[in-house]
Amino acid sequence: MAAKKKEAKKPVSKSRKPRKPHTEQHAGKAEMLYRITEVFRYMLQAKPRGAICQIMANKYDMSERQTSEYIRRARIMLAEKLDEEIELSLQYHLKARQNILDQSVDMG
């Protein structure tokens, strides 16, 4: 019979605080999207990051770290919206330019 090897236990740091039991309910996907959209609106209103963190922390009782994550996601959403608008604007202006060129060729 093979002898069982004793597994070495990791030493536990005495300075480490014990974790409190997890009893809080996390926000679902729809709630997260709502909160990110809310942060997005605050960003469009040009509110400073600190104000957004404070508003969200007071309203939803969340940590600064979680608020920072929502701000990060809202920035990504803002960049995507701007890219879409820039692309549409570019297409519009290129089409207008092409129309002007076509008109000048038609006129001779």
PDB file of N, CA and C in Angstrom:
ATOM      1  N   MET A   1       0.827  -1.178   0.000  1.00  0.00           N
ATOM      2  CA  MET A   1       0.000   0.000   0.000  1.00  0.00           C
ATOM      3  C   MET A   1       0.875   1.247   0.000  1.00  0.00           C
ATOM      4  N   ALA A   2       0.375   2.181  -0.759  1.00  0.00           N
ATOM      5  CA  ALA A   2       1.121   3.429  -0.837  1.00  0.00           C
ATOM      6  C   ALA A   2       0.816   4.274   0.392  1.00  0.00           C
ATOM      7  N   ALA A   3       1.844   4.839   0.913  1.00  0.00           N
ATOM      8  CA  ALA A   3       1.671   5.697   2.088  1.00  0.00           C
ATOM      9  C   ALA A   3       1.077   7.030   1.648  1.00  0.00           C
ATOM     10  N   LYS A   4       0.110   7.488   2.393  1.00  0.00           N
ATOM     11  CA  LYS A   4      -0.508   8.770   2.064  1.00  0.00           C
ATOM     12  C   LYS A   4       0.442   9.900   2.458  1.00  0.00           C
ATOM     13  N   LYS A   5       0.584  10.818   1.510  1.00  0.00           N
ATOM     14  CA  LYS A   5       1.424  11.975   1.800  1.00  0.00           C
ATOM     15  C   LYS A   5       0.586  13.017   2.521  1.00  0.00           C
ATOM     16  N   LYS A   6       1.192  13.571   3.525  1.00  0.00           N
ATOM     17  CA  LYS A   6       0.502  14.632   4.248  1.00  0.00           C
ATOM     18  C   LYS A   6       0.626  15.916   3.450  1.00  0.00           C
ATOM     19  N   GLU A   7      -0.496  16.549   3.258  1.00  0.00           N
ATOM     20  CA  GLU A   7      -0.494  17.816   2.536  1.00  0.00           C
ATOM     21  C   GLU A   7      -0.059  18.924   3.487  1.00  0.00           C
ATOM     22  N   ALA A   8       0.873  19.701   3.014  1.00  0.00           N
ATOM     23  CA  ALA A   8       1.367  20.807   3.831  1.00  0.00           C
ATOM     24  C   ALA A   8       0.341  21.931   3.821  1.00  0.00           C
ATOM     25  N   LYS A   9      -0.023  22.369   4.988  1.00  0.00           N
ATOM     26  CA  LYS A   9      -0.970  23.466   5.093  1.00  0.00           C
ATOM     27  C   LYS A   9      -0.209  24.780   5.038  1.00  0.00           C
ATOM     28  N   LYS A  10      -0.818  25.724   4.362  1.00  0.00           N
ATOM     29  CA  LYS A  10      -0.201  27.040   4.278  1.00  0.00           C
ATOM     30  C   LYS A  10      -0.355  27.741   5.623  1.00  0.00           C
ATOM     31  N   PRO A  11       0.697  28.410   6.043  1.00  0.00           N
ATOM     32  CA  PRO A  11       0.579  29.134   7.319  1.00  0.00           C
ATOM     33  C   PRO A  11      -0.401  30.299   7.175  1.00  0.00           C
ATOM     34  N   VAL A  12      -1.207  30.474   8.176  1.00  0.00           N
ATOM     35  CA  VAL A  12      -2.204  31.536   8.166  1.00  0.00           C
ATOM     36  C   VAL A  12      -1.621  32.750   8.871  1.00  0.00           C
ATOM     37  N   SER A  13      -1.693  33.868   8.202  1.00  0.00           N
ATOM     38  CA  SER A  13      -1.178  35.103   8.781  1.00  0.00           C
ATOM     39  C   SER A  13      -2.114  35.565   9.885  1.00  0.00           C
ATOM     40  N   LYS A  14      -1.540  35.928  11.017  1.00  0.00           N
ATOM     41  CA  LYS A  14      -2.365  36.374  12.135  1.00  0.00           C
ATOM     42  C   LYS A  14      -2.870  37.799  11.935  1.00  0.00           C
ATOM     43  N   SER A  15      -2.171  38.543  11.072  1.00  0.00           N
ATOM     44  CA  SER A  15      -2.584  39.924  10.850  1.00  0.00           C
ATOM     45  C   SER A  15      -3.741  40.024   9.855  1.00  0.00           C
ATOM     46  N   ARG A  16      -4.017  38.959   9.167  1.00  0.00           N
ATOM     47  CA  ARG A  16      -5.086  38.966   8.170  1.00  0.00           C
ATOM     48  C   ARG A  16      -6.446  38.943   8.859  1.00  0.00           C
ATOM     49  N   LYS A  17      -7.313  39.824   8.399  1.00  0.00           N
ATOM     50  CA  LYS A  17      -8.651  39.883   8.978  1.00  0.00           C
ATOM     51  C   LYS A  17      -9.498  38.750   8.417  1.00  0.00           C
ATOM     52  N   PRO A  18     -10.307  38.146   9.243  1.00  0.00           N
ATOM     53  CA  PRO A  18     -11.199  37.108   8.706  1.00  0.00           C
ATOM     54  C   PRO A  18     -12.245  37.740   7.800  1.00  0.00           C
ATOM     55  N   ARG A  19     -12.604  37.034   6.766  1.00  0.00           N
ATOM     56  CA  ARG A  19     -13.604  37.546   5.831  1.00  0.00           C
ATOM     57  C   ARG A  19     -14.988  37.461   6.448  1.00  0.00           C
ATOM     58  N   LYS A  20     -15.755  38.485   6.183  1.00  0.00           N
ATOM     59  CA  LYS A  20     -17.124  38.446   6.675  1.00  0.00           C
ATOM     60  C   LYS A  20     -17.963  37.637   5.691  1.00  0.00           C
ATOM     61  N   PRO A  21     -18.982  36.977   6.162  1.00  0.00           N
ATOM     62  CA  PRO A  21     -19.804  36.162   5.261  1.00  0.00           C
ATOM     63  C   PRO A  21     -20.479  37.025   4.210  1.00  0.00           C
ATOM     64  N   HIS A  22     -20.567  36.480   3.022  1.00  0.00           N
ATOM     65  CA  HIS A  22     -21.139  37.207   1.891  1.00  0.00           C
ATOM     66  C   HIS A  22     -22.655  37.075   1.921  1.00  0.00           C
ATOM     67  N   THR A  23     -23.307  38.153   2.272  1.00  0.00           N
ATOM     68  CA  THR A  23     -24.769  38.120   2.356  1.00  0.00           C
ATOM     69  C   THR A  23     -25.423  39.127   1.423  1.00  0.00           C
ATOM     70  N   GLU A  24     -24.616  40.015   0.820  1.00  0.00           N
ATOM     71  CA  GLU A  24     -25.184  41.049  -0.033  1.00  0.00           C
ATOM     72  C   GLU A  24     -25.564  40.487  -1.391  1.00  0.00           C
ATOM     73  N   GLN A  25     -26.609  41.039  -1.952  1.00  0.00           N
ATOM     74  CA  GLN A  25     -27.070  40.634  -3.273  1.00  0.00           C
ATOM     75  C   GLN A  25     -26.347  41.469  -4.318  1.00  0.00           C
ATOM     76  N   HIS A  26     -25.802  40.809  -5.335  1.00  0.00           N
ATOM     77  CA  HIS A  26     -25.141  41.522  -6.425  1.00  0.00           C
ATOM     78  C   HIS A  26     -26.176  42.032  -7.419  1.00  0.00           C
ATOM     79  N   ALA A  27     -25.797  43.079  -8.124  1.00  0.00           N
ATOM     80  CA  ALA A  27     -26.673  43.614  -9.169  1.00  0.00           C
ATOM     81  C   ALA A  27     -26.671  42.657 -10.353  1.00  0.00           C
ATOM     82  N   GLY A  28     -27.829  42.433 -10.930  1.00  0.00           N
ATOM     83  CA  GLY A  28     -27.936  41.596 -12.119  1.00  0.00           C
ATOM     84  C   GLY A  28     -27.450  42.362 -13.340  1.00  0.00           C
ATOM     85  N   LYS A  29     -27.486  41.705 -14.492  1.00  0.00           N
ATOM     86  CA  LYS A  29     -26.996  42.327 -15.725  1.00  0.00           C
ATOM     87  C   LYS A  29     -27.791  43.578 -16.077  1.00  0.00           C
ATOM     88  N   ALA A  30     -29.100  43.504 -15.934  1.00  0.00           N
ATOM     89  CA  ALA A  30     -29.939  44.658 -16.267  1.00  0.00           C
ATOM     90  C   ALA A  30     -29.648  45.822 -15.322  1.00  0.00           C
ATOM     91  N   GLU A  31     -29.492  45.528 -14.044  1.00  0.00           N
ATOM     92  CA  GLU A  31     -29.192  46.574 -13.065  1.00  0.00           C
ATOM     93  C   GLU A  31     -27.814  47.179 -13.321  1.00  0.00           C
ATOM     94  N   MET A  32     -26.841  46.336 -13.678  1.00  0.00           N
ATOM     95  CA  MET A  32     -25.501  46.844 -13.998  1.00  0.00           C
ATOM     96  C   MET A  32     -25.548  47.776 -15.198  1.00  0.00           C
ATOM     97  N   LEU A  33     -26.270  47.370 -16.244  1.00  0.00           N
ATOM     98  CA  LEU A  33     -26.382  48.204 -17.436  1.00  0.00           C
ATOM     99  C   LEU A  33     -27.055  49.534 -17.103  1.00  0.00           C
ATOM    100  N   TYR A  34     -28.060  49.489 -16.242  1.00  0.00           N
ATOM    101  CA  TYR A  34     -28.732  50.719 -15.818  1.00  0.00           C
ATOM    102  C   TYR A  34     -27.755  51.642 -15.089  1.00  0.00           C
ATOM    103  N   ARG A  35     -26.963  51.081 -14.187  1.00  0.00           N
ATOM    104  CA  ARG A  35     -26.002  51.880 -13.427  1.00  0.00           C
ATOM    105  C   ARG A  35     -24.912  52.449 -14.330  1.00  0.00           C
ATOM    106  N   ILE A  36     -24.442  51.644 -15.280  1.00  0.00           N
ATOM    107  CA  ILE A  36     -23.425  52.122 -16.224  1.00  0.00           C
ATOM    108  C   ILE A  36     -23.994  53.259 -17.062  1.00  0.00           C
ATOM    109  N   THR A  37     -25.243  53.116 -17.491  1.00  0.00           N
ATOM    110  CA  THR A  37     -25.898  54.173 -18.266  1.00  0.00           C
ATOM    111  C   THR A  37     -26.058  55.435 -17.426  1.00  0.00           C
ATOM    112  N   GLU A  38     -26.337  55.255 -16.154  1.00  0.00           N
ATOM    113  CA  GLU A  38     -26.452  56.409 -15.258  1.00  0.00           C
ATOM    114  C   GLU A  38     -25.105  57.126 -15.130  1.00  0.00           C
ATOM    115  N   VAL A  39     -24.029  56.369 -14.974  1.00  0.00           N
ATOM    116  CA  VAL A  39     -22.686  56.959 -14.926  1.00  0.00           C
ATOM    117  C   VAL A  39     -22.385  57.661 -16.248  1.00  0.00           C
ATOM    118  N   PHE A  40     -22.792  57.040 -17.352  1.00  0.00           N
ATOM    119  CA  PHE A  40     -22.609  57.615 -18.690  1.00  0.00           C
ATOM    120  C   PHE A  40     -23.277  58.994 -18.765  1.00  0.00           C
ATOM    121  N   ARG A  41     -24.496  59.104 -18.233  1.00  0.00           N
ATOM    122  CA  ARG A  41     -25.207  60.384 -18.238  1.00  0.00           C
ATOM    123  C   ARG A  41     -24.472  61.432 -17.405  1.00  0.00           C
ATOM    124  N   TYR A  42     -23.949  61.011 -16.247  1.00  0.00           N
ATOM    125  CA  TYR A  42     -23.182  61.945 -15.421  1.00  0.00           C
ATOM    126  C   TYR A  42     -21.926  62.412 -16.152  1.00  0.00           C
ATOM    127  N   MET A  43     -21.309  61.518 -16.902  1.00  0.00           N
ATOM    128  CA  MET A  43     -20.116  61.893 -17.665  1.00  0.00           C
ATOM    129  C   MET A  43     -20.472  62.899 -18.753  1.00  0.00           C
ATOM    130  N   LEU A  44     -21.618  62.717 -19.403  1.00  0.00           N
ATOM    131  CA  LEU A  44     -22.059  63.661 -20.431  1.00  0.00           C
ATOM    132  C   LEU A  44     -22.393  65.030 -19.836  1.00  0.00           C
ATOM    133  N   GLN A  45     -22.763  65.045 -18.562  1.00  0.00           N
ATOM    134  CA  GLN A  45     -23.027  66.307 -17.867  1.00  0.00           C
ATOM    135  C   GLN A  45     -21.735  66.950 -17.362  1.00  0.00           C
ATOM    136  N   ALA A  46     -20.601  66.323 -17.664  1.00  0.00           N
ATOM    137  CA  ALA A  46     -19.263  66.815 -17.290  1.00  0.00           C
ATOM    138  C   ALA A  46     -19.067  66.870 -15.780  1.00  0.00           C
ATOM    139  N   LYS A  47     -19.672  65.926 -15.069  1.00  0.00           N
ATOM    140  CA  LYS A  47     -19.444  65.855 -13.627  1.00  0.00           C
ATOM    141  C   LYS A  47     -18.058  65.252 -13.393  1.00  0.00           C
ATOM    142  N   PRO A  48     -17.330  65.740 -12.397  1.00  0.00           N
ATOM    143  CA  PRO A  48     -16.004  65.172 -12.120  1.00  0.00           C
ATOM    144  C   PRO A  48     -16.111  63.756 -11.565  1.00  0.00           C
ATOM    145  N   ARG A  49     -15.025  63.014 -11.727  1.00  0.00           N
ATOM    146  CA  ARG A  49     -14.997  61.610 -11.316  1.00  0.00           C
ATOM    147  C   ARG A  49     -15.346  61.448  -9.835  1.00  0.00           C
ATOM    148  N   GLY A  50     -14.806  62.325  -9.008  1.00  0.00           N
ATOM    149  CA  GLY A  50     -15.076  62.253  -7.573  1.00  0.00           C
ATOM    150  C   GLY A  50     -16.546  62.423  -7.252  1.00  0.00           C
ATOM    151  N   ALA A  51     -17.197  63.326  -7.959  1.00  0.00           N
ATOM    152  CA  ALA A  51     -18.628  63.550  -7.738  1.00  0.00           C
ATOM    153  C   ALA A  51     -19.430  62.326  -8.164  1.00  0.00           C
ATOM    154  N   ILE A  52     -19.041  61.731  -9.287  1.00  0.00           N
ATOM    155  CA  ILE A  52     -19.736  60.524  -9.759  1.00  0.00           C
ATOM    156  C   ILE A  52     -19.574  59.407  -8.740  1.00  0.00           C
ATOM    157  N   CYS A  53     -18.352  59.229  -8.233  1.00  0.00           N
ATOM    158  CA  CYS A  53     -18.107  58.186  -7.228  1.00  0.00           C
ATOM    159  C   CYS A  53     -18.969  58.409  -5.991  1.00  0.00           C
ATOM    160  N   GLN A  54     -19.042  59.650  -5.542  1.00  0.00           N
ATOM    161  CA  GLN A  54     -19.818  59.955  -4.345  1.00  0.00           C
ATOM    162  C   GLN A  54     -21.313  59.731  -4.573  1.00  0.00           C
ATOM    163  N   ILE A  55     -21.816  60.174  -5.707  1.00  0.00           N
ATOM    164  CA  ILE A  55     -23.239  60.000  -6.016  1.00  0.00           C
ATOM    165  C   ILE A  55     -23.597  58.515  -6.053  1.00  0.00           C
ATOM    166  N   MET A  56     -22.793  57.741  -6.778  1.00  0.00           N
ATOM    167  CA  MET A  56     -23.087  56.313  -6.927  1.00  0.00           C
ATOM    168  C   MET A  56     -22.932  55.575  -5.599  1.00  0.00           C
ATOM    169  N   ALA A  57     -21.913  55.941  -4.821  1.00  0.00           N
ATOM    170  CA  ALA A  57     -21.699  55.289  -3.526  1.00  0.00           C
ATOM    171  C   ALA A  57     -22.869  55.559  -2.586  1.00  0.00           C
ATOM    172  N   ASN A  58     -23.359  56.783  -2.583  1.00  0.00           N
ATOM    173  CA  ASN A  58     -24.492  57.123  -1.713  1.00  0.00           C
ATOM    174  C   ASN A  58     -25.788  56.486  -2.198  1.00  0.00           C
ATOM    175  N   LYS A  59     -25.982  56.477  -3.497  1.00  0.00           N
ATOM    176  CA  LYS A  59     -27.241  55.986  -4.052  1.00  0.00           C
ATOM    177  C   LYS A  59     -27.359  54.465  -3.974  1.00  0.00           C
ATOM    178  N   TYR A  60     -26.253  53.755  -4.261  1.00  0.00           N
ATOM    179  CA  TYR A  60     -26.314  52.295  -4.348  1.00  0.00           C
ATOM    180  C   TYR A  60     -25.487  51.585  -3.288  1.00  0.00           C
ATOM    181  N   ASP A  61     -24.891  52.325  -2.372  1.00  0.00           N
ATOM    182  CA  ASP A  61     -24.081  51.742  -1.305  1.00  0.00           C
ATOM    183  C   ASP A  61     -23.019  50.798  -1.880  1.00  0.00           C
ATOM    184  N   MET A  62     -22.176  51.348  -2.743  1.00  0.00           N
ATOM    185  CA  MET A  62     -21.136  50.541  -3.374  1.00  0.00           C
ATOM    186  C   MET A  62     -19.773  51.139  -3.075  1.00  0.00           C
ATOM    187  N   SER A  63     -18.752  50.323  -3.258  1.00  0.00           N
ATOM    188  CA  SER A  63     -17.391  50.763  -2.980  1.00  0.00           C
ATOM    189  C   SER A  63     -16.855  51.633  -4.110  1.00  0.00           C
ATOM    190  N   GLU A  64     -15.761  52.321  -3.817  1.00  0.00           N
ATOM    191  CA  GLU A  64     -15.120  53.156  -4.833  1.00  0.00           C
ATOM    192  C   GLU A  64     -14.591  52.284  -5.969  1.00  0.00           C
ATOM    193  N   ARG A  65     -14.149  51.098  -5.627  1.00  0.00           N
ATOM    194  CA  ARG A  65     -13.631  50.180  -6.644  1.00  0.00           C
ATOM    195  C   ARG A  65     -14.726  49.793  -7.641  1.00  0.00           C
ATOM    196  N   GLN A  66     -15.907  49.494  -7.136  1.00  0.00           N
ATOM    197  CA  GLN A  66     -17.013  49.130  -8.021  1.00  0.00           C
ATOM    198  C   GLN A  66     -17.441  50.327  -8.862  1.00  0.00           C
ATOM    199  N   THR A  67     -17.455  51.499  -8.258  1.00  0.00           N
ATOM    200  CA  THR A  67     -17.796  52.708  -9.003  1.00  0.00           C
ATOM    201  C   THR A  67     -16.777  52.955 -10.103  1.00  0.00           C
ATOM    202  N   SER A  68     -15.501  52.716  -9.807  1.00  0.00           N
ATOM    203  CA  SER A  68     -14.451  52.874 -10.820  1.00  0.00           C
ATOM    204  C   SER A  68     -14.673  51.929 -11.988  1.00  0.00           C
ATOM    205  N   GLU A  69     -15.142  50.735 -11.690  1.00  0.00           N
ATOM    206  CA  GLU A  69     -15.435  49.766 -12.759  1.00  0.00           C
ATOM    207  C   GLU A  69     -16.582  50.274 -13.637  1.00  0.00           C
ATOM    208  N   TYR A  70     -17.609  50.838 -13.022  1.00  0.00           N
ATOM    209  CA  TYR A  70     -18.715  51.398 -13.801  1.00  0.00           C
ATOM    210  C   TYR A  70     -18.240  52.575 -14.655  1.00  0.00           C
ATOM    211  N   ILE A  71     -17.362  53.399 -14.108  1.00  0.00           N
ATOM    212  CA  ILE A  71     -16.819  54.527 -14.868  1.00  0.00           C
ATOM    213  C   ILE A  71     -16.005  54.015 -16.050  1.00  0.00           C
ATOM    214  N   ARG A  72     -15.217  52.975 -15.829  1.00  0.00           N
ATOM    215  CA  ARG A  72     -14.418  52.393 -16.915  1.00  0.00           C
ATOM    216  C   ARG A  72     -15.324  51.893 -18.035  1.00  0.00           C
ATOM    217  N   ARG A  73     -16.380  51.196 -17.666  1.00  0.00           N
ATOM    218  CA  ARG A  73     -17.306  50.673 -18.679  1.00  0.00           C
ATOM    219  C   ARG A  73     -18.068  51.794 -19.389  1.00  0.00           C
ATOM    220  N   ALA A  74     -18.406  52.843 -18.655  1.00  0.00           N
ATOM    221  CA  ALA A  74     -19.099  53.983 -19.268  1.00  0.00           C
ATOM    222  C   ALA A  74     -18.183  54.691 -20.262  1.00  0.00           C
ATOM    223  N   ARG A  75     -16.889  54.762 -19.948  1.00  0.00           N
ATOM    224  CA  ARG A  75     -15.935  55.368 -20.887  1.00  0.00           C
ATOM    225  C   ARG A  75     -15.848  54.560 -22.172  1.00  0.00           C
ATOM    226  N   ILE A  76     -15.860  53.244 -22.051  1.00  0.00           N
ATOM    227  CA  ILE A  76     -15.848  52.382 -23.240  1.00  0.00           C
ATOM    228  C   ILE A  76     -17.108  52.630 -24.061  1.00  0.00           C
ATOM    229  N   MET A  77     -18.250  52.728 -23.377  1.00  0.00           N
ATOM    230  CA  MET A  77     -19.519  52.983 -24.057  1.00  0.00           C
ATOM    231  C   MET A  77     -19.487  54.340 -24.762  1.00  0.00           C
ATOM    232  N   LEU A  78     -18.908  55.344 -24.112  1.00  0.00           N
ATOM    233  CA  LEU A  78     -18.794  56.675 -24.706  1.00  0.00           C
ATOM    234  C   LEU A  78     -17.910  56.638 -25.950  1.00  0.00           C
ATOM    235  N   ALA A  79     -16.793  55.925 -25.867  1.00  0.00           N
ATOM    236  CA  ALA A  79     -15.888  55.821 -27.017  1.00  0.00           C
ATOM    237  C   ALA A  79     -16.580  55.143 -28.194  1.00  0.00           C
ATOM    238  N   GLU A  80     -17.367  54.104 -27.916  1.00  0.00           N
ATOM    239  CA  GLU A  80     -18.093  53.415 -28.985  1.00  0.00           C
ATOM    240  C   GLU A  80     -19.112  54.347 -29.641  1.00  0.00           C
ATOM    241  N   LYS A  81     -19.839  55.108 -28.829  1.00  0.00           N
ATOM    242  CA  LYS A  81     -20.834  56.042 -29.373  1.00  0.00           C
ATOM    243  C   LYS A  81     -20.164  57.106 -30.231  1.00  0.00           C
ATOM    244  N   LEU A  82     -19.039  57.638 -29.752  1.00  0.00           N
ATOM    245  CA  LEU A  82     -18.329  58.660 -30.519  1.00  0.00           C
ATOM    246  C   LEU A  82     -17.801  58.099 -31.833  1.00  0.00           C
ATOM    247  N   ASP A  83     -17.282  56.870 -31.793  1.00  0.00           N
ATOM    248  CA  ASP A  83     -16.789  56.244 -33.019  1.00  0.00           C
ATOM    249  C   ASP A  83     -17.907  56.091 -34.041  1.00  0.00           C
ATOM    250  N   GLU A  84     -19.098  55.683 -33.576  1.00  0.00           N
ATOM    251  CA  GLU A  84     -20.243  55.534 -34.478  1.00  0.00           C
ATOM    252  C   GLU A  84     -20.626  56.878 -35.089  1.00  0.00           C
ATOM    253  N   GLU A  85     -20.680  57.920 -34.259  1.00  0.00           N
ATOM    254  CA  GLU A  85     -21.069  59.241 -34.754  1.00  0.00           C
ATOM    255  C   GLU A  85     -20.026  59.805 -35.709  1.00  0.00           C
ATOM    256  N   ILE A  86     -18.757  59.593 -35.414  1.00  0.00           N
ATOM    257  CA  ILE A  86     -17.697  60.068 -36.304  1.00  0.00           C
ATOM    258  C   ILE A  86     -17.792  59.360 -37.645  1.00  0.00           C
ATOM    259  N   GLU A  87     -18.041  58.061 -37.608  1.00  0.00           N
ATOM    260  CA  GLU A  87     -18.160  57.288 -38.849  1.00  0.00           C
ATOM    261  C   GLU A  87     -19.347  57.782 -39.679  1.00  0.00           C
ATOM    262  N   LEU A  88     -20.487  58.011 -39.037  1.00  0.00           N
ATOM    263  CA  LEU A  88     -21.663  58.522 -39.755  1.00  0.00           C
ATOM    264  C   LEU A  88     -21.399  59.910 -40.335  1.00  0.00           C
ATOM    265  N   SER A  89     -20.756  60.754 -39.557  1.00  0.00           N
ATOM    266  CA  SER A  89     -20.437  62.102 -40.029  1.00  0.00           C
ATOM    267  C   SER A  89     -19.482  62.048 -41.213  1.00  0.00           C
ATOM    268  N   LEU A  90     -18.494  61.184 -41.133  1.00  0.00           N
ATOM    269  CA  LEU A  90     -17.536  61.037 -42.228  1.00  0.00           C
ATOM    270  C   LEU A  90     -18.236  60.552 -43.493  1.00  0.00           C
ATOM    271  N   GLN A  91     -19.116  59.571 -43.361  1.00  0.00           N
ATOM    272  CA  GLN A  91     -19.859  59.069 -44.517  1.00  0.00           C
ATOM    273  C   GLN A  91     -20.717  60.174 -45.132  1.00  0.00           C
ATOM    274  N   TYR A  92     -21.366  60.964 -44.290  1.00  0.00           N
ATOM    275  CA  TYR A  92     -22.215  62.054 -44.776  1.00  0.00           C
ATOM    276  C   TYR A  92     -21.389  63.062 -45.575  1.00  0.00           C
ATOM    277  N   HIS A  93     -20.259  63.472 -45.030  1.00  0.00           N
ATOM    278  CA  HIS A  93     -19.440  64.483 -45.697  1.00  0.00           C
ATOM    279  C   HIS A  93     -18.791  63.953 -46.971  1.00  0.00           C
ATOM    280  N   LEU A  94     -18.389  62.692 -46.951  1.00  0.00           N
ATOM    281  CA  LEU A  94     -17.830  62.112 -48.177  1.00  0.00           C
ATOM    282  C   LEU A  94     -18.891  62.029 -49.272  1.00  0.00           C
ATOM    283  N   LYS A  95     -20.114  61.676 -48.889  1.00  0.00           N
ATOM    284  CA  LYS A  95     -21.208  61.609 -49.860  1.00  0.00           C
ATOM    285  C   LYS A  95     -21.527  63.006 -50.399  1.00  0.00           C
ATOM    286  N   ALA A  96     -21.539  64.006 -49.527  1.00  0.00           N
ATOM    287  CA  ALA A  96     -21.793  65.382 -49.968  1.00  0.00           C
ATOM    288  C   ALA A  96     -20.698  65.847 -50.921  1.00  0.00           C
ATOM    289  N   ARG A  97     -19.468  65.509 -50.617  1.00  0.00           N
ATOM    290  CA  ARG A  97     -18.352  65.881 -51.498  1.00  0.00           C
ATOM    291  C   ARG A  97     -18.489  65.214 -52.861  1.00  0.00           C
ATOM    292  N   GLN A  98     -18.864  63.946 -52.840  1.00  0.00           N
ATOM    293  CA  GLN A  98     -19.045  63.216 -54.100  1.00  0.00           C
ATOM    294  C   GLN A  98     -20.166  63.842 -54.925  1.00  0.00           C
ATOM    295  N   ASN A  99     -21.246  64.257 -54.266  1.00  0.00           N
ATOM    296  CA  ASN A  99     -22.351  64.920 -54.970  1.00  0.00           C
ATOM    297  C   ASN A  99     -21.901  66.229 -55.614  1.00  0.00           C
ATOM    298  N   ILE A 100     -21.088  67.005 -54.906  1.00  0.00           N
ATOM    299  CA  ILE A 100     -20.572  68.262 -55.463  1.00  0.00           C
ATOM    300  C   ILE A 100     -19.698  67.981 -56.680  1.00  0.00           C
ATOM    301  N   LEU A 101     -18.843  66.971 -56.578  1.00  0.00           N
ATOM    302  CA  LEU A 101     -17.989  66.606 -57.714  1.00  0.00           C
ATOM    303  C   LEU A 101     -18.824  66.139 -58.903  1.00  0.00           C
ATOM    304  N   ASP A 102     -19.855  65.349 -58.632  1.00  0.00           N
ATOM    305  CA  ASP A 102     -20.728  64.868 -59.709  1.00  0.00           C
ATOM    306  C   ASP A 102     -21.444  66.036 -60.390  1.00  0.00           C
ATOM    307  N   GLN A 103     -21.894  67.003 -59.603  1.00  0.00           N
ATOM    308  CA  GLN A 103     -22.570  68.173 -60.165  1.00  0.00           C
ATOM    309  C   GLN A 103     -21.618  68.999 -61.025  1.00  0.00           C
ATOM    310  N   SER A 104     -20.376  69.137 -60.578  1.00  0.00           N
ATOM    311  CA  SER A 104     -19.421  69.933 -61.357  1.00  0.00           C
ATOM    312  C   SER A 104     -19.059  69.240 -62.668  1.00  0.00           C
ATOM    313  N   VAL A 105     -19.004  67.909 -62.666  1.00  0.00           N
ATOM    314  CA  VAL A 105     -18.725  67.160 -63.897  1.00  0.00           C
ATOM    315  C   VAL A 105     -19.913  67.282 -64.847  1.00  0.00           C
ATOM    316  N   ASP A 106     -21.125  67.218 -64.309  1.00  0.00           N
ATOM    317  CA  ASP A 106     -22.328  67.331 -65.140  1.00  0.00           C
ATOM    318  C   ASP A 106     -22.433  68.710 -65.796  1.00  0.00           C
ATOM    319  N   MET A 107     -21.996  69.741 -65.093  1.00  0.00           N
ATOM    320  CA  MET A 107     -22.082  71.102 -65.623  1.00  0.00           C
ATOM    321  C   MET A 107     -21.010  71.360 -66.687  1.00  0.00           C
ATOM    322  N   GLY A 108     -20.015  70.563 -66.703  1.00  0.00           N
ATOM    323  CA  GLY A 108     -19.062  70.662 -67.800  1.00  0.00           C
ATOM    324  C   GLY A 108     -17.791  71.220 -67.390  1.00  0.00           C
TER     325      GLY A 108
END
